[in-house]
């Protein structure tokens, strides 16, 4: 971390605990991206390959301790997405590198802002990631950020987003092959009965 007692600039925007870990934390600071592997005793700078280390949300993957999601903003003085492109950045290696996830997100004239509680995840596998903007757009990904779709537009500014799961995910429907197999097994028996009937009728005629 920088100076522990700065005159200004160390506002904590969002802290997220990594899945399955009591010691790993991810931090989006007012200025800076950090990771701690000792429950906050020390921090490492992980702003590697992002257009800006300023931003608000930080979401840790619900199952993978090495995966997290952020939405960088231009600066404190210009709080919109850099280059007017709406990009969610994802790390798969604990912050050593970040990749922009843009499929389905606007990449032109997208001066958007995502606040600290405006991004969240569910606990499915693969995990769903969701975020809302101050302009009232709600986006969702069902494949951990690989692709996105706009769920709603024209909402009031989205300052907080929560996900609720109702019931258990539906299991895939069982294939019907076993029933067809049973039907095939019954057919020879039916033919055998008919054959016996014919034999019986022929025997009666002979008598």
N, C-alpha and C. Protein backbone atom coordinates (compact mmCIF):
# COMPACT_ATOMS: atom_id res chain seq x y z
N UNK A 1 0.85 -1.20 0.00
CA UNK A 1 0.00 0.00 0.00
C UNK A 1 0.89 1.25 0.00
N UNK A 2 0.36 2.38 -0.52
CA UNK A 2 1.09 3.64 -0.40
C UNK A 2 1.11 4.13 1.05
N UNK A 3 1.43 5.40 1.23
CA UNK A 3 1.51 6.00 2.56
C UNK A 3 0.27 5.64 3.39
N UNK A 4 0.49 5.09 4.59
CA UNK A 4 -0.61 4.68 5.44
C UNK A 4 -1.42 5.86 5.97
N UNK A 5 -0.81 7.02 6.02
CA UNK A 5 -1.50 8.19 6.57
C UNK A 5 -1.41 9.37 5.59
N UNK A 6 -2.01 9.21 4.40
CA UNK A 6 -1.94 10.30 3.42
C UNK A 6 -2.88 11.44 3.80
N UNK A 7 -2.61 12.59 3.22
CA UNK A 7 -3.48 13.73 3.47
C UNK A 7 -4.85 13.49 2.85
N UNK A 8 -4.89 12.81 1.71
CA UNK A 8 -6.15 12.44 1.07
C UNK A 8 -5.87 11.30 0.10
N UNK A 9 -6.94 10.66 -0.37
CA UNK A 9 -6.80 9.70 -1.46
C UNK A 9 -6.86 8.24 -1.09
N UNK A 10 -7.08 7.89 0.20
CA UNK A 10 -7.14 6.48 0.58
C UNK A 10 -8.54 6.05 0.98
N UNK A 11 -9.51 6.53 0.23
CA UNK A 11 -10.89 6.13 0.46
C UNK A 11 -11.10 4.71 -0.07
N UNK A 12 -11.59 3.82 0.78
CA UNK A 12 -11.86 2.44 0.37
C UNK A 12 -13.22 2.41 -0.35
N UNK A 13 -13.21 1.97 -1.60
CA UNK A 13 -14.46 1.90 -2.35
C UNK A 13 -15.15 0.55 -2.21
N UNK A 14 -14.39 -0.55 -2.29
CA UNK A 14 -15.02 -1.88 -2.16
C UNK A 14 -13.96 -2.91 -1.80
N UNK A 15 -14.31 -3.76 -0.83
CA UNK A 15 -13.47 -4.91 -0.45
C UNK A 15 -14.29 -6.18 -0.67
N UNK A 16 -13.68 -7.17 -1.31
CA UNK A 16 -14.36 -8.44 -1.57
C UNK A 16 -13.48 -9.58 -1.09
N UNK A 17 -14.06 -10.49 -0.34
CA UNK A 17 -13.32 -11.67 0.13
C UNK A 17 -13.35 -12.76 -0.93
N UNK A 18 -12.19 -13.36 -1.18
CA UNK A 18 -12.09 -14.42 -2.17
C UNK A 18 -12.81 -15.67 -1.69
N UNK A 19 -13.34 -16.43 -2.63
CA UNK A 19 -14.08 -17.64 -2.30
C UNK A 19 -13.19 -18.68 -1.64
N UNK A 20 -13.70 -19.30 -0.58
CA UNK A 20 -13.00 -20.39 0.07
C UNK A 20 -11.71 -19.99 0.75
N UNK A 21 -11.54 -18.71 1.06
CA UNK A 21 -10.30 -18.25 1.69
C UNK A 21 -10.62 -17.34 2.86
N UNK A 22 -9.92 -17.54 3.96
CA UNK A 22 -10.06 -16.66 5.11
C UNK A 22 -9.04 -15.52 5.08
N UNK A 23 -8.12 -15.56 4.13
CA UNK A 23 -7.03 -14.59 4.15
C UNK A 23 -6.93 -13.72 2.89
N UNK A 24 -7.50 -14.16 1.77
CA UNK A 24 -7.36 -13.38 0.54
C UNK A 24 -8.49 -12.36 0.41
N UNK A 25 -8.11 -11.11 0.17
CA UNK A 25 -9.05 -10.02 -0.03
C UNK A 25 -8.68 -9.25 -1.29
N UNK A 26 -9.70 -8.77 -1.99
CA UNK A 26 -9.49 -7.87 -3.12
C UNK A 26 -10.01 -6.49 -2.75
N UNK A 27 -9.28 -5.44 -3.14
CA UNK A 27 -9.64 -4.08 -2.76
C UNK A 27 -9.62 -3.15 -3.97
N UNK A 28 -10.73 -2.46 -4.19
CA UNK A 28 -10.76 -1.33 -5.13
C UNK A 28 -10.72 -0.07 -4.29
N UNK A 29 -9.59 0.60 -4.33
CA UNK A 29 -9.41 1.81 -3.55
C UNK A 29 -9.84 3.02 -4.38
N UNK A 30 -9.86 4.19 -3.74
CA UNK A 30 -10.15 5.41 -4.48
C UNK A 30 -9.16 5.54 -5.65
N UNK A 31 -7.93 5.32 -5.37
CA UNK A 31 -6.90 5.19 -6.40
C UNK A 31 -6.12 3.92 -6.12
N UNK A 32 -6.34 2.89 -6.90
CA UNK A 32 -5.53 1.68 -6.75
C UNK A 32 -6.33 0.40 -6.63
N UNK A 33 -5.73 -0.68 -7.15
CA UNK A 33 -6.27 -2.03 -7.03
C UNK A 33 -5.26 -2.85 -6.23
N UNK A 34 -5.76 -3.57 -5.22
CA UNK A 34 -4.86 -4.29 -4.34
C UNK A 34 -5.41 -5.67 -3.99
N UNK A 35 -4.49 -6.54 -3.58
CA UNK A 35 -4.86 -7.87 -3.08
C UNK A 35 -4.06 -8.15 -1.82
N UNK A 36 -4.73 -8.73 -0.85
CA UNK A 36 -4.07 -9.16 0.37
C UNK A 36 -4.21 -10.67 0.50
N UNK A 37 -3.13 -11.33 0.86
CA UNK A 37 -3.17 -12.78 1.09
C UNK A 37 -2.98 -13.13 2.56
N UNK A 38 -3.02 -12.11 3.42
CA UNK A 38 -2.87 -12.35 4.86
C UNK A 38 -3.92 -11.57 5.66
N UNK A 39 -5.15 -11.57 5.13
CA UNK A 39 -6.29 -10.96 5.82
C UNK A 39 -6.10 -9.47 6.09
N UNK A 40 -5.41 -8.77 5.19
CA UNK A 40 -5.29 -7.33 5.30
C UNK A 40 -4.05 -6.83 6.02
N UNK A 41 -3.17 -7.72 6.45
CA UNK A 41 -1.94 -7.28 7.11
C UNK A 41 -0.99 -6.60 6.13
N UNK A 42 -1.00 -7.06 4.88
CA UNK A 42 -0.18 -6.44 3.84
C UNK A 42 -0.93 -6.52 2.52
N UNK A 43 -0.55 -5.64 1.58
CA UNK A 43 -1.27 -5.54 0.31
C UNK A 43 -0.30 -5.47 -0.85
N UNK A 44 -0.73 -6.03 -2.00
CA UNK A 44 0.06 -5.98 -3.23
C UNK A 44 -0.73 -5.24 -4.30
N UNK A 45 -0.03 -4.41 -5.05
CA UNK A 45 -0.64 -3.67 -6.15
C UNK A 45 -0.94 -4.64 -7.29
N UNK A 46 -2.20 -4.69 -7.76
CA UNK A 46 -2.57 -5.61 -8.84
C UNK A 46 -3.19 -4.84 -10.02
N UNK A 47 -2.85 -3.55 -10.14
CA UNK A 47 -3.37 -2.76 -11.26
C UNK A 47 -2.51 -3.03 -12.50
N UNK A 48 -2.62 -4.25 -13.02
CA UNK A 48 -1.78 -4.68 -14.13
C UNK A 48 -2.60 -4.80 -15.41
N UNK A 49 -2.37 -3.90 -16.35
CA UNK A 49 -3.04 -3.99 -17.63
C UNK A 49 -4.45 -3.43 -17.65
N UNK A 50 -4.80 -2.56 -16.72
CA UNK A 50 -6.11 -1.92 -16.72
C UNK A 50 -5.96 -0.48 -17.20
N UNK A 51 -7.00 0.09 -17.83
CA UNK A 51 -6.87 1.46 -18.35
C UNK A 51 -6.83 2.51 -17.25
N UNK A 52 -7.31 2.16 -16.06
CA UNK A 52 -7.29 3.07 -14.92
C UNK A 52 -7.42 2.24 -13.65
N UNK A 53 -6.75 2.68 -12.58
CA UNK A 53 -6.90 1.99 -11.30
C UNK A 53 -7.93 2.68 -10.41
N UNK A 54 -8.66 3.63 -11.00
CA UNK A 54 -9.76 4.28 -10.29
C UNK A 54 -11.06 3.56 -10.65
N UNK A 55 -11.91 3.37 -9.67
CA UNK A 55 -13.20 2.72 -9.91
C UNK A 55 -13.92 2.51 -8.61
N UNK A 56 -15.06 1.85 -8.68
CA UNK A 56 -15.86 1.63 -7.48
C UNK A 56 -16.10 0.15 -7.16
N UNK A 57 -16.68 -0.64 -8.05
CA UNK A 57 -17.04 -2.01 -7.67
C UNK A 57 -15.86 -2.97 -7.69
N UNK A 58 -15.98 -4.00 -6.89
CA UNK A 58 -15.06 -5.14 -6.89
C UNK A 58 -15.88 -6.36 -6.52
N UNK A 59 -15.93 -7.34 -7.40
CA UNK A 59 -16.71 -8.55 -7.15
C UNK A 59 -15.79 -9.76 -7.24
N UNK A 60 -15.74 -10.56 -6.19
CA UNK A 60 -14.97 -11.80 -6.20
C UNK A 60 -15.84 -12.94 -6.71
N UNK A 61 -15.24 -13.83 -7.46
CA UNK A 61 -15.95 -14.99 -7.98
C UNK A 61 -16.47 -15.84 -6.82
N UNK A 62 -17.68 -16.38 -6.91
CA UNK A 62 -18.24 -17.13 -5.77
C UNK A 62 -17.58 -18.48 -5.51
N UNK A 63 -16.76 -18.99 -6.46
CA UNK A 63 -16.16 -20.31 -6.28
C UNK A 63 -14.64 -20.34 -6.49
N UNK A 64 -14.10 -19.38 -7.23
CA UNK A 64 -12.69 -19.39 -7.62
C UNK A 64 -11.97 -18.22 -6.97
N UNK A 65 -11.03 -18.51 -6.09
CA UNK A 65 -10.33 -17.46 -5.34
C UNK A 65 -9.43 -16.61 -6.22
N UNK A 66 -9.09 -17.06 -7.42
CA UNK A 66 -8.20 -16.32 -8.31
C UNK A 66 -8.95 -15.40 -9.27
N UNK A 67 -10.27 -15.43 -9.25
CA UNK A 67 -11.07 -14.68 -10.21
C UNK A 67 -11.82 -13.54 -9.54
N UNK A 68 -11.76 -12.36 -10.16
CA UNK A 68 -12.48 -11.19 -9.67
C UNK A 68 -12.84 -10.30 -10.85
N UNK A 69 -13.77 -9.35 -10.60
CA UNK A 69 -14.30 -8.49 -11.66
C UNK A 69 -14.30 -7.04 -11.19
N UNK A 70 -13.98 -6.12 -12.11
CA UNK A 70 -14.00 -4.69 -11.82
C UNK A 70 -14.55 -3.94 -13.04
N UNK A 71 -14.92 -2.68 -12.83
CA UNK A 71 -15.28 -1.78 -13.93
C UNK A 71 -14.49 -0.49 -13.73
N UNK A 72 -13.34 -0.32 -14.41
CA UNK A 72 -12.54 0.89 -14.22
C UNK A 72 -13.25 2.13 -14.75
N UNK A 73 -12.97 3.26 -14.10
CA UNK A 73 -13.45 4.57 -14.55
C UNK A 73 -12.26 5.46 -14.88
N UNK A 74 -12.52 6.49 -15.64
CA UNK A 74 -11.44 7.35 -16.15
C UNK A 74 -10.60 7.95 -15.02
N UNK A 75 -11.26 8.67 -14.11
CA UNK A 75 -10.53 9.35 -13.03
C UNK A 75 -11.52 9.88 -12.01
N UNK A 76 -10.97 10.39 -10.92
CA UNK A 76 -11.80 11.00 -9.89
C UNK A 76 -12.54 12.21 -10.45
N UNK A 77 -11.88 12.93 -11.34
CA UNK A 77 -12.49 14.13 -11.90
C UNK A 77 -13.43 13.86 -13.07
N UNK A 78 -13.32 12.67 -13.68
CA UNK A 78 -14.16 12.32 -14.84
C UNK A 78 -14.60 10.88 -14.66
N UNK A 79 -15.68 10.69 -13.91
CA UNK A 79 -16.08 9.37 -13.44
C UNK A 79 -16.96 8.64 -14.45
N UNK A 80 -16.36 8.31 -15.57
CA UNK A 80 -17.04 7.52 -16.61
C UNK A 80 -16.05 6.49 -17.15
N UNK A 81 -16.58 5.54 -17.90
CA UNK A 81 -15.73 4.47 -18.45
C UNK A 81 -14.72 5.04 -19.44
N UNK A 82 -13.45 4.61 -19.37
CA UNK A 82 -12.40 5.13 -20.25
C UNK A 82 -12.70 4.90 -21.72
N UNK A 83 -12.35 5.89 -22.53
CA UNK A 83 -12.49 5.83 -23.99
C UNK A 83 -13.94 5.64 -24.43
N UNK A 84 -14.88 5.94 -23.54
CA UNK A 84 -16.31 5.80 -23.83
C UNK A 84 -16.66 4.37 -24.22
N UNK A 85 -15.96 3.40 -23.62
CA UNK A 85 -16.22 1.98 -23.87
C UNK A 85 -16.60 1.31 -22.55
N UNK A 86 -17.71 0.61 -22.54
CA UNK A 86 -18.15 -0.09 -21.33
C UNK A 86 -17.48 -1.46 -21.29
N UNK A 87 -16.52 -1.61 -20.38
CA UNK A 87 -15.75 -2.85 -20.29
C UNK A 87 -15.69 -3.34 -18.85
N UNK A 88 -16.01 -4.61 -18.68
CA UNK A 88 -15.78 -5.27 -17.40
C UNK A 88 -14.44 -5.98 -17.51
N UNK A 89 -13.58 -5.77 -16.52
CA UNK A 89 -12.27 -6.43 -16.54
C UNK A 89 -12.30 -7.61 -15.57
N UNK A 90 -11.75 -8.72 -16.03
CA UNK A 90 -11.73 -9.95 -15.24
C UNK A 90 -10.31 -10.46 -15.10
N UNK A 91 -9.98 -10.88 -13.88
CA UNK A 91 -8.71 -11.57 -13.66
C UNK A 91 -8.98 -13.02 -13.34
N UNK A 92 -8.13 -13.90 -13.85
CA UNK A 92 -8.21 -15.33 -13.55
C UNK A 92 -6.99 -15.79 -12.76
N UNK A 93 -6.08 -14.86 -12.48
CA UNK A 93 -4.84 -15.25 -11.81
C UNK A 93 -4.53 -14.35 -10.61
N UNK A 94 -5.57 -13.98 -9.89
CA UNK A 94 -5.36 -13.21 -8.66
C UNK A 94 -4.93 -11.79 -8.86
N UNK A 95 -5.15 -11.22 -10.06
CA UNK A 95 -4.78 -9.83 -10.31
C UNK A 95 -3.46 -9.65 -11.00
N UNK A 96 -2.77 -10.73 -11.33
CA UNK A 96 -1.51 -10.59 -12.07
C UNK A 96 -1.76 -10.08 -13.49
N UNK A 97 -2.94 -10.32 -14.01
CA UNK A 97 -3.32 -9.79 -15.32
C UNK A 97 -4.84 -9.62 -15.35
N UNK A 98 -5.30 -8.71 -16.21
CA UNK A 98 -6.73 -8.44 -16.37
C UNK A 98 -7.08 -8.43 -17.84
N UNK A 99 -8.26 -8.95 -18.18
CA UNK A 99 -8.72 -8.97 -19.55
C UNK A 99 -10.06 -8.24 -19.66
N UNK A 100 -10.22 -7.39 -20.70
CA UNK A 100 -11.50 -6.71 -20.89
C UNK A 100 -12.53 -7.68 -21.47
N UNK A 101 -13.70 -7.70 -20.89
CA UNK A 101 -14.80 -8.55 -21.35
C UNK A 101 -15.84 -7.62 -21.97
N UNK A 102 -15.95 -7.65 -23.30
CA UNK A 102 -16.73 -6.62 -23.99
C UNK A 102 -17.88 -7.16 -24.84
N UNK A 103 -17.95 -8.47 -25.07
CA UNK A 103 -18.97 -8.99 -25.97
C UNK A 103 -20.38 -8.69 -25.46
N UNK A 104 -21.14 -7.95 -26.24
CA UNK A 104 -22.49 -7.58 -25.85
C UNK A 104 -22.59 -6.24 -25.15
N UNK A 105 -21.45 -5.59 -24.85
CA UNK A 105 -21.44 -4.29 -24.19
C UNK A 105 -21.14 -3.19 -25.21
N UNK A 106 -21.74 -2.02 -25.05
CA UNK A 106 -21.50 -0.93 -26.01
C UNK A 106 -20.06 -0.44 -25.95
N UNK A 107 -19.46 -0.27 -27.12
CA UNK A 107 -18.07 0.15 -27.22
C UNK A 107 -17.92 1.51 -27.90
N UNK A 108 -19.04 2.21 -28.06
CA UNK A 108 -19.01 3.56 -28.61
C UNK A 108 -19.96 4.45 -27.82
N UNK A 109 -19.48 5.64 -27.49
CA UNK A 109 -20.30 6.64 -26.79
C UNK A 109 -20.93 6.07 -25.53
N UNK A 110 -20.20 5.22 -24.83
CA UNK A 110 -20.71 4.61 -23.59
C UNK A 110 -20.03 5.27 -22.40
N UNK A 111 -20.51 6.45 -22.06
CA UNK A 111 -19.97 7.17 -20.90
C UNK A 111 -20.78 6.75 -19.67
N UNK A 112 -20.43 5.60 -19.13
CA UNK A 112 -21.20 4.98 -18.05
C UNK A 112 -20.43 5.00 -16.74
N UNK A 113 -21.19 4.89 -15.66
CA UNK A 113 -20.61 4.82 -14.32
C UNK A 113 -21.27 3.68 -13.55
N UNK A 114 -20.45 2.83 -12.94
CA UNK A 114 -20.95 1.75 -12.09
C UNK A 114 -20.46 2.02 -10.67
N UNK A 115 -21.37 2.12 -9.73
CA UNK A 115 -21.02 2.46 -8.36
C UNK A 115 -20.62 1.22 -7.55
N UNK A 116 -20.15 1.44 -6.34
CA UNK A 116 -19.53 0.35 -5.56
C UNK A 116 -20.46 -0.82 -5.27
N UNK A 117 -21.75 -0.55 -5.09
CA UNK A 117 -22.71 -1.62 -4.84
C UNK A 117 -23.56 -1.93 -6.07
N UNK A 118 -23.14 -1.42 -7.22
CA UNK A 118 -23.89 -1.62 -8.44
C UNK A 118 -23.48 -2.84 -9.23
N UNK A 119 -22.69 -3.74 -8.64
CA UNK A 119 -22.23 -4.94 -9.32
C UNK A 119 -22.25 -6.10 -8.34
N UNK A 120 -22.68 -7.28 -8.81
CA UNK A 120 -22.77 -8.44 -7.92
C UNK A 120 -22.72 -9.72 -8.72
N UNK A 121 -22.81 -10.85 -8.03
CA UNK A 121 -22.79 -12.16 -8.69
C UNK A 121 -23.80 -13.08 -8.02
N UNK A 122 -24.15 -14.16 -8.72
CA UNK A 122 -24.92 -15.21 -8.08
C UNK A 122 -23.95 -16.34 -7.68
N UNK A 123 -24.48 -17.49 -7.28
CA UNK A 123 -23.62 -18.58 -6.83
C UNK A 123 -23.74 -19.81 -7.73
N UNK A 124 -24.20 -19.59 -8.95
CA UNK A 124 -24.33 -20.69 -9.89
C UNK A 124 -22.96 -21.08 -10.46
N UNK A 125 -22.94 -22.14 -11.21
CA UNK A 125 -21.72 -22.60 -11.87
C UNK A 125 -22.08 -22.98 -13.30
N UNK A 126 -21.66 -22.17 -14.30
CA UNK A 126 -20.83 -20.98 -14.19
C UNK A 126 -21.56 -19.82 -13.51
N UNK A 127 -20.78 -18.94 -12.94
CA UNK A 127 -21.35 -17.84 -12.15
C UNK A 127 -21.97 -16.78 -13.05
N UNK A 128 -23.07 -16.23 -12.59
CA UNK A 128 -23.68 -15.08 -13.25
C UNK A 128 -23.16 -13.79 -12.64
N UNK A 129 -22.85 -12.81 -13.50
CA UNK A 129 -22.35 -11.50 -13.05
C UNK A 129 -23.33 -10.45 -13.54
N UNK A 130 -23.64 -9.48 -12.68
CA UNK A 130 -24.66 -8.48 -12.99
C UNK A 130 -24.15 -7.10 -12.57
N UNK A 131 -24.50 -6.08 -13.36
CA UNK A 131 -24.18 -4.71 -12.94
C UNK A 131 -25.17 -3.73 -13.53
N UNK A 132 -25.32 -2.62 -12.82
CA UNK A 132 -26.21 -1.55 -13.26
C UNK A 132 -25.45 -0.25 -13.32
N UNK A 133 -25.90 0.67 -14.15
CA UNK A 133 -25.20 1.94 -14.34
C UNK A 133 -26.02 3.10 -13.78
N UNK A 134 -25.37 4.23 -13.64
CA UNK A 134 -26.07 5.42 -13.16
C UNK A 134 -27.05 5.95 -14.20
N UNK A 135 -26.88 5.52 -15.45
CA UNK A 135 -27.83 5.93 -16.50
C UNK A 135 -29.05 5.01 -16.56
N UNK A 136 -29.12 4.00 -15.68
CA UNK A 136 -30.30 3.15 -15.60
C UNK A 136 -30.30 1.93 -16.49
N UNK A 137 -29.12 1.45 -16.87
CA UNK A 137 -29.02 0.23 -17.67
C UNK A 137 -28.62 -0.94 -16.77
N UNK A 138 -29.25 -2.10 -17.02
CA UNK A 138 -28.97 -3.30 -16.24
C UNK A 138 -28.45 -4.39 -17.18
N UNK A 139 -27.23 -4.86 -16.91
CA UNK A 139 -26.58 -5.87 -17.74
C UNK A 139 -26.37 -7.16 -16.95
N UNK A 140 -26.33 -8.27 -17.68
CA UNK A 140 -26.11 -9.57 -17.04
C UNK A 140 -25.26 -10.46 -17.92
N UNK A 141 -24.48 -11.30 -17.27
CA UNK A 141 -23.69 -12.33 -17.95
C UNK A 141 -23.96 -13.66 -17.24
N UNK A 142 -24.24 -14.69 -18.01
CA UNK A 142 -24.47 -16.02 -17.43
C UNK A 142 -23.27 -16.94 -17.65
N UNK A 143 -22.18 -16.40 -18.19
CA UNK A 143 -20.99 -17.21 -18.45
C UNK A 143 -19.72 -16.56 -17.90
N UNK A 144 -19.86 -15.96 -16.70
CA UNK A 144 -18.72 -15.40 -15.98
C UNK A 144 -18.03 -14.27 -16.73
N UNK A 145 -18.82 -13.50 -17.48
CA UNK A 145 -18.29 -12.32 -18.14
C UNK A 145 -17.89 -12.51 -19.58
N UNK A 146 -17.94 -13.72 -20.10
CA UNK A 146 -17.55 -13.94 -21.50
C UNK A 146 -18.46 -13.19 -22.45
N UNK A 147 -19.74 -13.09 -22.13
CA UNK A 147 -20.69 -12.35 -22.96
C UNK A 147 -21.72 -11.69 -22.06
N UNK A 148 -22.34 -10.61 -22.59
CA UNK A 148 -23.27 -9.81 -21.81
C UNK A 148 -24.52 -9.52 -22.61
N UNK A 149 -25.62 -9.25 -21.89
CA UNK A 149 -26.83 -8.79 -22.55
C UNK A 149 -27.51 -7.74 -21.68
N UNK A 150 -28.16 -6.83 -22.34
CA UNK A 150 -28.89 -5.76 -21.65
C UNK A 150 -30.24 -6.30 -21.21
N UNK A 151 -30.48 -6.30 -19.90
CA UNK A 151 -31.76 -6.78 -19.37
C UNK A 151 -32.82 -5.69 -19.39
N UNK A 152 -32.45 -4.49 -18.94
CA UNK A 152 -33.41 -3.38 -18.89
C UNK A 152 -32.68 -2.07 -19.14
N UNK A 153 -33.40 -1.14 -19.73
CA UNK A 153 -32.89 0.21 -19.94
C UNK A 153 -33.96 1.19 -19.43
N UNK A 154 -33.55 2.41 -19.18
CA UNK A 154 -34.50 3.42 -18.76
C UNK A 154 -34.88 3.37 -17.30
N UNK A 155 -34.11 2.63 -16.48
CA UNK A 155 -34.38 2.59 -15.05
C UNK A 155 -33.81 3.83 -14.36
N UNK A 156 -34.22 4.11 -13.13
CA UNK A 156 -33.56 5.16 -12.37
C UNK A 156 -32.08 4.80 -12.15
N UNK A 157 -31.26 5.74 -11.73
CA UNK A 157 -29.86 5.40 -11.47
C UNK A 157 -29.73 4.19 -10.54
N UNK A 158 -28.94 3.23 -10.93
CA UNK A 158 -28.79 1.99 -10.16
C UNK A 158 -27.60 2.16 -9.21
N UNK A 159 -27.89 2.26 -7.93
CA UNK A 159 -26.83 2.48 -6.95
C UNK A 159 -26.54 1.22 -6.14
N UNK A 160 -27.46 0.25 -6.15
CA UNK A 160 -27.25 -0.98 -5.40
C UNK A 160 -27.96 -2.12 -6.13
N UNK A 161 -27.28 -3.25 -6.24
CA UNK A 161 -27.83 -4.38 -6.97
C UNK A 161 -27.64 -5.65 -6.15
N UNK A 162 -28.72 -6.41 -5.98
CA UNK A 162 -28.69 -7.68 -5.26
C UNK A 162 -29.29 -8.77 -6.13
N UNK A 163 -28.83 -10.00 -5.92
CA UNK A 163 -29.34 -11.15 -6.67
C UNK A 163 -29.98 -12.12 -5.69
N UNK A 164 -31.15 -12.63 -6.06
CA UNK A 164 -31.83 -13.64 -5.26
C UNK A 164 -32.11 -14.85 -6.14
N UNK A 165 -31.81 -16.04 -5.62
CA UNK A 165 -32.09 -17.27 -6.34
C UNK A 165 -33.34 -17.92 -5.75
N UNK A 166 -34.31 -18.19 -6.60
CA UNK A 166 -35.57 -18.78 -6.17
C UNK A 166 -35.59 -20.25 -6.57
N UNK A 167 -35.57 -21.14 -5.58
CA UNK A 167 -35.56 -22.57 -5.88
C UNK A 167 -34.20 -23.03 -6.36
N UNK A 168 -34.13 -24.31 -6.69
CA UNK A 168 -32.90 -24.90 -7.18
C UNK A 168 -32.88 -24.87 -8.70
N UNK A 169 -31.69 -24.75 -9.31
CA UNK A 169 -31.63 -24.80 -10.77
C UNK A 169 -32.20 -26.10 -11.29
N UNK A 170 -32.94 -26.05 -12.40
CA UNK A 170 -33.56 -27.24 -12.97
C UNK A 170 -32.49 -28.19 -13.53
N UNK A 171 -32.61 -29.44 -13.17
CA UNK A 171 -31.70 -30.44 -13.71
C UNK A 171 -32.08 -30.75 -15.16
N UNK A 172 -31.10 -31.11 -16.00
CA UNK A 172 -31.43 -31.47 -17.39
C UNK A 172 -32.43 -32.62 -17.42
N UNK A 173 -33.32 -32.57 -18.39
CA UNK A 173 -34.32 -33.62 -18.52
C UNK A 173 -33.66 -34.97 -18.84
N UNK A 174 -34.15 -36.00 -18.19
CA UNK A 174 -33.61 -37.33 -18.46
C UNK A 174 -33.94 -37.76 -19.88
N UNK A 175 -33.04 -38.42 -20.52
CA UNK A 175 -33.27 -38.89 -21.88
C UNK A 175 -34.30 -40.02 -21.85
N UNK A 176 -35.03 -40.15 -22.96
CA UNK A 176 -36.10 -41.13 -23.03
C UNK A 176 -35.66 -42.47 -23.62
N UNK A 177 -34.36 -42.65 -23.81
CA UNK A 177 -33.86 -43.88 -24.41
C UNK A 177 -34.27 -45.12 -23.65
N UNK A 178 -34.24 -45.16 -22.31
CA UNK A 178 -34.65 -46.37 -21.59
C UNK A 178 -36.06 -46.80 -21.92
N UNK A 179 -37.01 -45.84 -22.11
CA UNK A 179 -38.39 -46.21 -22.43
C UNK A 179 -38.48 -46.84 -23.81
N UNK A 180 -37.71 -46.33 -24.78
CA UNK A 180 -37.72 -46.91 -26.11
C UNK A 180 -37.15 -48.32 -26.09
N UNK A 181 -36.15 -48.53 -25.24
CA UNK A 181 -35.57 -49.86 -25.11
C UNK A 181 -36.59 -50.85 -24.58
N UNK A 182 -37.38 -50.40 -23.60
CA UNK A 182 -38.41 -51.28 -23.05
C UNK A 182 -39.45 -51.62 -24.12
N UNK A 183 -39.79 -50.62 -24.94
CA UNK A 183 -40.79 -50.88 -25.98
C UNK A 183 -40.29 -51.93 -26.96
N UNK A 184 -38.99 -51.84 -27.29
CA UNK A 184 -38.44 -52.82 -28.21
C UNK A 184 -38.49 -54.21 -27.61
N UNK A 185 -38.28 -54.31 -26.31
CA UNK A 185 -38.28 -55.62 -25.67
C UNK A 185 -39.69 -56.24 -25.65
N UNK A 186 -40.72 -55.38 -25.60
CA UNK A 186 -42.08 -55.90 -25.56
C UNK A 186 -42.56 -56.42 -26.90
N UNK A 187 -42.03 -55.88 -28.00
CA UNK A 187 -42.50 -56.26 -29.32
C UNK A 187 -42.29 -57.74 -29.64
N UNK A 188 -41.12 -58.33 -29.39
CA UNK A 188 -40.95 -59.76 -29.66
C UNK A 188 -41.95 -60.61 -28.90
N UNK A 189 -42.28 -60.22 -27.68
CA UNK A 189 -43.25 -60.99 -26.90
C UNK A 189 -44.61 -60.96 -27.57
N UNK A 190 -45.00 -59.80 -28.10
CA UNK A 190 -46.29 -59.69 -28.78
C UNK A 190 -46.31 -60.56 -30.02
N UNK A 191 -45.23 -60.57 -30.79
CA UNK A 191 -45.17 -61.41 -31.99
C UNK A 191 -45.28 -62.89 -31.61
N UNK A 192 -44.63 -63.25 -30.51
CA UNK A 192 -44.66 -64.65 -30.08
C UNK A 192 -46.08 -65.08 -29.74
N UNK A 193 -46.84 -64.19 -29.11
CA UNK A 193 -48.22 -64.51 -28.77
C UNK A 193 -49.05 -64.72 -30.02
N UNK A 194 -48.85 -63.84 -30.99
CA UNK A 194 -49.61 -63.98 -32.24
C UNK A 194 -49.27 -65.28 -32.94
N UNK A 195 -48.00 -65.61 -32.94
CA UNK A 195 -47.59 -66.84 -33.59
C UNK A 195 -48.24 -68.05 -32.92
N UNK A 196 -48.28 -68.03 -31.61
CA UNK A 196 -48.90 -69.14 -30.89
C UNK A 196 -50.38 -69.25 -31.23
N UNK A 197 -51.02 -68.07 -31.36
CA UNK A 197 -52.43 -68.08 -31.71
C UNK A 197 -52.66 -68.69 -33.08
N UNK A 198 -51.79 -68.33 -34.02
CA UNK A 198 -51.93 -68.89 -35.34
C UNK A 198 -51.73 -70.40 -35.33
N UNK A 199 -50.74 -70.82 -34.60
CA UNK A 199 -50.48 -72.26 -34.50
C UNK A 199 -51.67 -72.98 -33.91
N UNK A 200 -52.27 -72.36 -32.87
CA UNK A 200 -53.43 -72.98 -32.22
C UNK A 200 -54.60 -73.09 -33.19
N UNK A 201 -54.84 -72.00 -33.98
CA UNK A 201 -55.95 -72.02 -34.92
C UNK A 201 -55.74 -73.08 -36.00
N UNK A 202 -54.54 -73.19 -36.49
CA UNK A 202 -54.22 -74.19 -37.49
C UNK A 202 -54.43 -75.60 -36.93
N UNK A 203 -54.02 -75.79 -35.70
CA UNK A 203 -54.19 -77.10 -35.07
C UNK A 203 -55.66 -77.44 -34.95
N UNK A 204 -56.52 -76.44 -34.63
CA UNK A 204 -57.94 -76.67 -34.49
C UNK A 204 -58.56 -77.07 -35.80
N UNK A 205 -58.11 -76.45 -36.89
CA UNK A 205 -58.67 -76.75 -38.20
C UNK A 205 -58.34 -78.19 -38.58
N UNK A 206 -57.15 -78.62 -38.24
CA UNK A 206 -56.76 -79.98 -38.60
C UNK A 206 -57.63 -81.01 -37.89
N UNK A 207 -58.00 -80.66 -36.68
CA UNK A 207 -58.85 -81.57 -35.94
C UNK A 207 -60.21 -81.65 -36.59
